[in-house]
């Protein structure tokens, strides 16, 4: 009658998964030490989840990372885009955020392409 996982049982971790994560972490650290950090961050941004992308759009050190993060945001992040505009209304970043807001508010599906 074992329909569910027992929360009292320790989680079993596959050794190959641990090795893979350690290798990825090691490669990331190596790249940060030996390569241009801005390029490394941009590369990581493309595989980031929505939360990390929003965080990068709001607070990344490099403007290029913030701009790329803004371009990756979708409709569920409209509040974050508006927050960027409100925080820095006269900046290049705010302009980029406004353009993304406008893009997201315009229908770009198949019917949007036909009728726009």
C-alpha atoms as a PDB file:
ATOM      1  CA  UNK A   1       0.000   0.000   0.000  1.00  0.00           C
ATOM      2  CA  UNK A   2       2.901   2.353  -0.747  1.00  0.00           C
ATOM      3  CA  UNK A   3       1.178   4.981  -2.840  1.00  0.00           C
ATOM      4  CA  UNK A   4       3.260   7.899  -1.658  1.00  0.00           C
ATOM      5  CA  UNK A   5       6.818   8.677  -0.658  1.00  0.00           C
ATOM      6  CA  UNK A   6       7.521   8.454   3.045  1.00  0.00           C
ATOM      7  CA  UNK A   7       8.761  11.901   4.193  1.00  0.00           C
ATOM      8  CA  UNK A   8      10.699  10.267   7.021  1.00  0.00           C
ATOM      9  CA  UNK A   9      12.845   8.310   4.567  1.00  0.00           C
ATOM     10  CA  UNK A  10      16.063  10.032   3.494  1.00  0.00           C
ATOM     11  CA  UNK A  11      16.155  11.100  -0.133  1.00  0.00           C
ATOM     12  CA  UNK A  12      18.251   8.772  -2.264  1.00  0.00           C
ATOM     13  CA  UNK A  13      20.613  10.626  -4.561  1.00  0.00           C
ATOM     14  CA  UNK A  14      22.046   9.086  -7.678  1.00  0.00           C
ATOM     15  CA  UNK A  15      25.851   9.391  -7.728  1.00  0.00           C
ATOM     16  CA  UNK A  16      25.910  10.217 -11.424  1.00  0.00           C
ATOM     17  CA  UNK A  17      23.559  13.167 -10.785  1.00  0.00           C
ATOM     18  CA  UNK A  18      25.866  14.426  -8.017  1.00  0.00           C
ATOM     19  CA  UNK A  19      28.894  14.102 -10.296  1.00  0.00           C
ATOM     20  CA  UNK A  20      27.082  15.939 -13.103  1.00  0.00           C
ATOM     21  CA  UNK A  21      26.097  18.826 -10.806  1.00  0.00           C
ATOM     22  CA  UNK A  22      29.621  19.054  -9.401  1.00  0.00           C
ATOM     23  CA  UNK A  23      31.044  19.183 -12.922  1.00  0.00           C
ATOM     24  CA  UNK A  24      28.590  21.912 -13.990  1.00  0.00           C
ATOM     25  CA  UNK A  25      29.381  23.922 -10.853  1.00  0.00           C
ATOM     26  CA  UNK A  26      33.115  23.482 -11.398  1.00  0.00           C
ATOM     27  CA  UNK A  27      32.839  24.563 -15.021  1.00  0.00           C
ATOM     28  CA  UNK A  28      30.812  27.630 -14.063  1.00  0.00           C
ATOM     29  CA  UNK A  29      33.319  28.682 -11.408  1.00  0.00           C
ATOM     30  CA  UNK A  30      36.219  28.086 -13.811  1.00  0.00           C
ATOM     31  CA  UNK A  31      34.507  30.194 -16.488  1.00  0.00           C
ATOM     32  CA  UNK A  32      33.858  33.012 -14.017  1.00  0.00           C
ATOM     33  CA  UNK A  33      37.533  33.050 -13.017  1.00  0.00           C
ATOM     34  CA  UNK A  34      39.012  32.728 -16.502  1.00  0.00           C
ATOM     35  CA  UNK A  35      36.513  34.294 -18.911  1.00  0.00           C
ATOM     36  CA  UNK A  36      34.652  37.581 -19.157  1.00  0.00           C
ATOM     37  CA  UNK A  37      32.047  37.430 -16.348  1.00  0.00           C
ATOM     38  CA  UNK A  38      29.549  39.414 -18.422  1.00  0.00           C
ATOM     39  CA  UNK A  39      29.649  36.769 -21.185  1.00  0.00           C
ATOM     40  CA  UNK A  40      29.327  33.959 -18.649  1.00  0.00           C
ATOM     41  CA  UNK A  41      26.288  35.609 -17.057  1.00  0.00           C
ATOM     42  CA  UNK A  42      24.665  36.216 -20.454  1.00  0.00           C
ATOM     43  CA  UNK A  43      25.181  32.546 -21.319  1.00  0.00           C
ATOM     44  CA  UNK A  44      23.652  31.422 -18.001  1.00  0.00           C
ATOM     45  CA  UNK A  45      20.730  33.816 -18.414  1.00  0.00           C
ATOM     46  CA  UNK A  46      19.414  31.980 -21.458  1.00  0.00           C
ATOM     47  CA  UNK A  47      18.794  28.855 -19.363  1.00  0.00           C
ATOM     48  CA  UNK A  48      17.537  30.618 -16.245  1.00  0.00           C
ATOM     49  CA  UNK A  49      14.045  30.262 -14.819  1.00  0.00           C
ATOM     50  CA  UNK A  50      11.578  33.165 -14.712  1.00  0.00           C
ATOM     51  CA  UNK A  51      12.478  34.200 -11.159  1.00  0.00           C
ATOM     52  CA  UNK A  52      16.197  34.494 -11.955  1.00  0.00           C
ATOM     53  CA  UNK A  53      15.478  36.286 -15.225  1.00  0.00           C
ATOM     54  CA  UNK A  54      13.303  38.824 -13.391  1.00  0.00           C
ATOM     55  CA  UNK A  55      16.015  39.261 -10.777  1.00  0.00           C
ATOM     56  CA  UNK A  56      18.592  39.899 -13.506  1.00  0.00           C
ATOM     57  CA  UNK A  57      16.267  42.410 -15.199  1.00  0.00           C
ATOM     58  CA  UNK A  58      15.878  44.293 -11.934  1.00  0.00           C
ATOM     59  CA  UNK A  59      19.368  44.190 -10.451  1.00  0.00           C
ATOM     60  CA  UNK A  60      22.091  42.807 -12.715  1.00  0.00           C
ATOM     61  CA  UNK A  61      25.384  44.698 -12.588  1.00  0.00           C
ATOM     62  CA  UNK A  62      25.835  44.788 -16.372  1.00  0.00           C
ATOM     63  CA  UNK A  63      23.332  46.736 -18.468  1.00  0.00           C
ATOM     64  CA  UNK A  64      23.699  44.198 -21.290  1.00  0.00           C
ATOM     65  CA  UNK A  65      22.529  41.456 -18.912  1.00  0.00           C
ATOM     66  CA  UNK A  66      19.585  43.566 -17.749  1.00  0.00           C
ATOM     67  CA  UNK A  67      18.580  44.320 -21.349  1.00  0.00           C
ATOM     68  CA  UNK A  68      18.810  40.654 -22.371  1.00  0.00           C
ATOM     69  CA  UNK A  69      16.812  39.607 -19.296  1.00  0.00           C
ATOM     70  CA  UNK A  70      14.112  42.146 -20.164  1.00  0.00           C
ATOM     71  CA  UNK A  71      13.888  40.726 -23.689  1.00  0.00           C
ATOM     72  CA  UNK A  72      13.372  37.238 -22.245  1.00  0.00           C
ATOM     73  CA  UNK A  73      10.508  38.186 -19.921  1.00  0.00           C
ATOM     74  CA  UNK A  74       6.959  37.151 -20.782  1.00  0.00           C
ATOM     75  CA  UNK A  75       3.468  38.428 -19.879  1.00  0.00           C
ATOM     76  CA  UNK A  76       3.559  37.048 -16.325  1.00  0.00           C
ATOM     77  CA  UNK A  77       6.419  39.489 -15.659  1.00  0.00           C
ATOM     78  CA  UNK A  78       4.621  42.691 -16.681  1.00  0.00           C
ATOM     79  CA  UNK A  79       4.657  43.926 -13.069  1.00  0.00           C
ATOM     80  CA  UNK A  80       8.446  43.528 -12.949  1.00  0.00           C
ATOM     81  CA  UNK A  81       8.818  45.431 -16.203  1.00  0.00           C
ATOM     82  CA  UNK A  82       6.637  48.239 -14.828  1.00  0.00           C
ATOM     83  CA  UNK A  83       8.715  48.258 -11.642  1.00  0.00           C
ATOM     84  CA  UNK A  84      11.857  48.786 -13.754  1.00  0.00           C
ATOM     85  CA  UNK A  85      10.221  51.737 -15.514  1.00  0.00           C
ATOM     86  CA  UNK A  86       9.085  53.224 -12.192  1.00  0.00           C
ATOM     87  CA  UNK A  87      12.533  52.880 -10.573  1.00  0.00           C
ATOM     88  CA  UNK A  88      14.525  54.440 -13.423  1.00  0.00           C
ATOM     89  CA  UNK A  89      12.078  56.321 -15.668  1.00  0.00           C
ATOM     90  CA  UNK A  90      14.655  58.225 -17.729  1.00  0.00           C
ATOM     91  CA  UNK A  91      17.121  55.382 -18.335  1.00  0.00           C
ATOM     92  CA  UNK A  92      17.969  53.201 -21.304  1.00  0.00           C
ATOM     93  CA  UNK A  93      16.851  50.196 -19.234  1.00  0.00           C
ATOM     94  CA  UNK A  94      13.403  51.767 -18.712  1.00  0.00           C
ATOM     95  CA  UNK A  95      13.143  52.388 -22.442  1.00  0.00           C
ATOM     96  CA  UNK A  96      13.939  48.724 -23.083  1.00  0.00           C
ATOM     97  CA  UNK A  97      11.326  47.687 -20.487  1.00  0.00           C
ATOM     98  CA  UNK A  98       8.703  49.959 -22.067  1.00  0.00           C
ATOM     99  CA  UNK A  99       9.389  48.427 -25.476  1.00  0.00           C
ATOM    100  CA  UNK A 100       8.966  44.932 -23.996  1.00  0.00           C
ATOM    101  CA  UNK A 101       5.712  45.945 -22.289  1.00  0.00           C
ATOM    102  CA  UNK A 102       4.407  47.277 -25.589  1.00  0.00           C
ATOM    103  CA  UNK A 103       5.471  44.092 -27.377  1.00  0.00           C
ATOM    104  CA  UNK A 104       3.831  41.843 -24.785  1.00  0.00           C
ATOM    105  CA  UNK A 105       0.598  43.844 -24.841  1.00  0.00           C
ATOM    106  CA  UNK A 106       0.367  43.428 -28.620  1.00  0.00           C
ATOM    107  CA  UNK A 107      -0.950  40.094 -29.878  1.00  0.00           C
ATOM    108  CA  UNK A 108       1.898  38.367 -31.695  1.00  0.00           C
ATOM    109  CA  UNK A 109       0.226  35.004 -32.220  1.00  0.00           C
ATOM    110  CA  UNK A 110      -0.818  33.743 -35.635  1.00  0.00           C
ATOM    111  CA  UNK A 111      -3.914  35.965 -35.688  1.00  0.00           C
ATOM    112  CA  UNK A 112      -1.917  38.965 -34.534  1.00  0.00           C
ATOM    113  CA  UNK A 113       0.430  38.526 -37.481  1.00  0.00           C
ATOM    114  CA  UNK A 114      -2.466  38.269 -39.903  1.00  0.00           C
ATOM    115  CA  UNK A 115      -4.464  41.248 -38.626  1.00  0.00           C
ATOM    116  CA  UNK A 116      -1.624  43.617 -37.605  1.00  0.00           C
END
